[in-house]
Amino acid sequence: MSTHATQVSRLSWAQVSARRLARHALSEPAAQARPADIAAALCGAHAQVLSAAEVSIALRIAGATRTDVRDALWHERSLVKTYGPRGTVHLLPTRDLPLWTGALSAIPQSASPFPDHVRMTPEQTDSVVEAIGAALADAELTIDELTDAVVERAGAWAGDRVMPAFQDLWPRWRQAITTAAHRGVLCFGPNRGRKVTYTNPHRWLPGFRPAAGPDALAALARRYLHAYGPSTPEHFAQWLAAPKRWATGLFDSLTSSLQRVHVEGAAAWQVAGDTAGDTAGGAPRGVRLLPYFDAFVVGCRPRELLFPGRAAERALVPSGQAGNYPVVLVDGTVAGVWHQRRSGRKIAVTVEPLAPLASGHRRELDAQVERLGEILEGTPELTIGPVAAGPHA
């Protein structure tokens, strides 16, 4: 990447960690924010486990509960559940859909993992996306109902059960479901019993169009750097599941608005002059219980600094992926794992610290467990000891 930025600043890991905690509303919950504001600040809340996304957002807002997040998603429609970064399910601000769809649909697509007789041509993909948009324009459909609607509009070939998935064969059209979301014609609707439904976000944001790709990508890169920076093109590429060379080119196109910095001796980038909310010499403080796939642990890098020593062994899966375990964050670094099990209103919370907690940290942990109970609208009971639950897939 080009290095013609101006002055090079040097930042410690503690300074970077304190900045990120503040911008993620983890150093102190936001007093006036709404769920959509938090989702925007995080560049999306991972929602493969929707209950975890509810905790992720609510813990960052003073006094908020899971009901507040659910109301924002299903009643206010200020949040939308859709396929976001890495093609994974996220809660995004509905108001930001033009930016997100413009950016995600402009990222170079990786080669199809399927053989020739399974994959779809670009023309077939366009046909399926058009069919999805039309079928969902005024409806909330289950996956089986959507299959019937797509086959009716696009043709019988779209329903051929040729796509290997979860020891089964899915209809061919389902290869395009993430593409349809990224083009802005599909998102999740409320569950119908235990069945997932899909709908068209145009129902809630009439007339929206994906923003122009280059502008949307530039804006998304700057938002990412505000939330997770200083960072590198490689880390940005990993966050998006995009090609590293492409991400380097994107950062190169933005160097006039970026500033090169050193973090613990390693080169990284931030938005030039973006120091809003920073505290000079501030150190990360506090204990936080972060749920499955919380944006902070998934998006913040380098992993070896966020997950030091035993934390990497205990809280990362062998591939190095983060988020599969709920983690205990102590002064900005991962220092344990936790798990909760609910029975009626009772919530059994088990916390496994990787080292003994100082008395101040223990008091903060007690407060965090109480806060978790408020968010989940139940009565928590804390146990300090080993967490037996394995990683979430």
Foldseek 3Di string as FASTA:
>chain_A
DDDPFDDAAADEPQLLLQLLCVLLLNLHAAADDALQVNCLSLVWWFCPPVVLSLCLSQVNYPLAASVSVVCCVAPVVQWFWFQFFPRGTTIHGLVCLLLRLLALLPFDDDDDPDDPVQADDPVLLVLQLVQLLVVQVPDWAFPVRSLVSSCVRRHVQQQPQQCDDDNGTGGSNVVNRSVSVSQQRKTWHDADVPTTIMHGSCVVVPPRGRDHHLVSNLVSVQSLLSNADQAALVLVCVRRVGDSVVSNVSVVVVSVQKHWYHYVRHIGIHGPPNCPPRDVVDGQAAKAWRAARGSCQQRYDDNCVQQPDCSQVPQADPVSGGRQFTFIAGRSHTFWTKDWDDDPQEIEIETEGNDDDDPVRVVRVVVNQVVNSSRHVHHYDYDYDDDPDDTDD
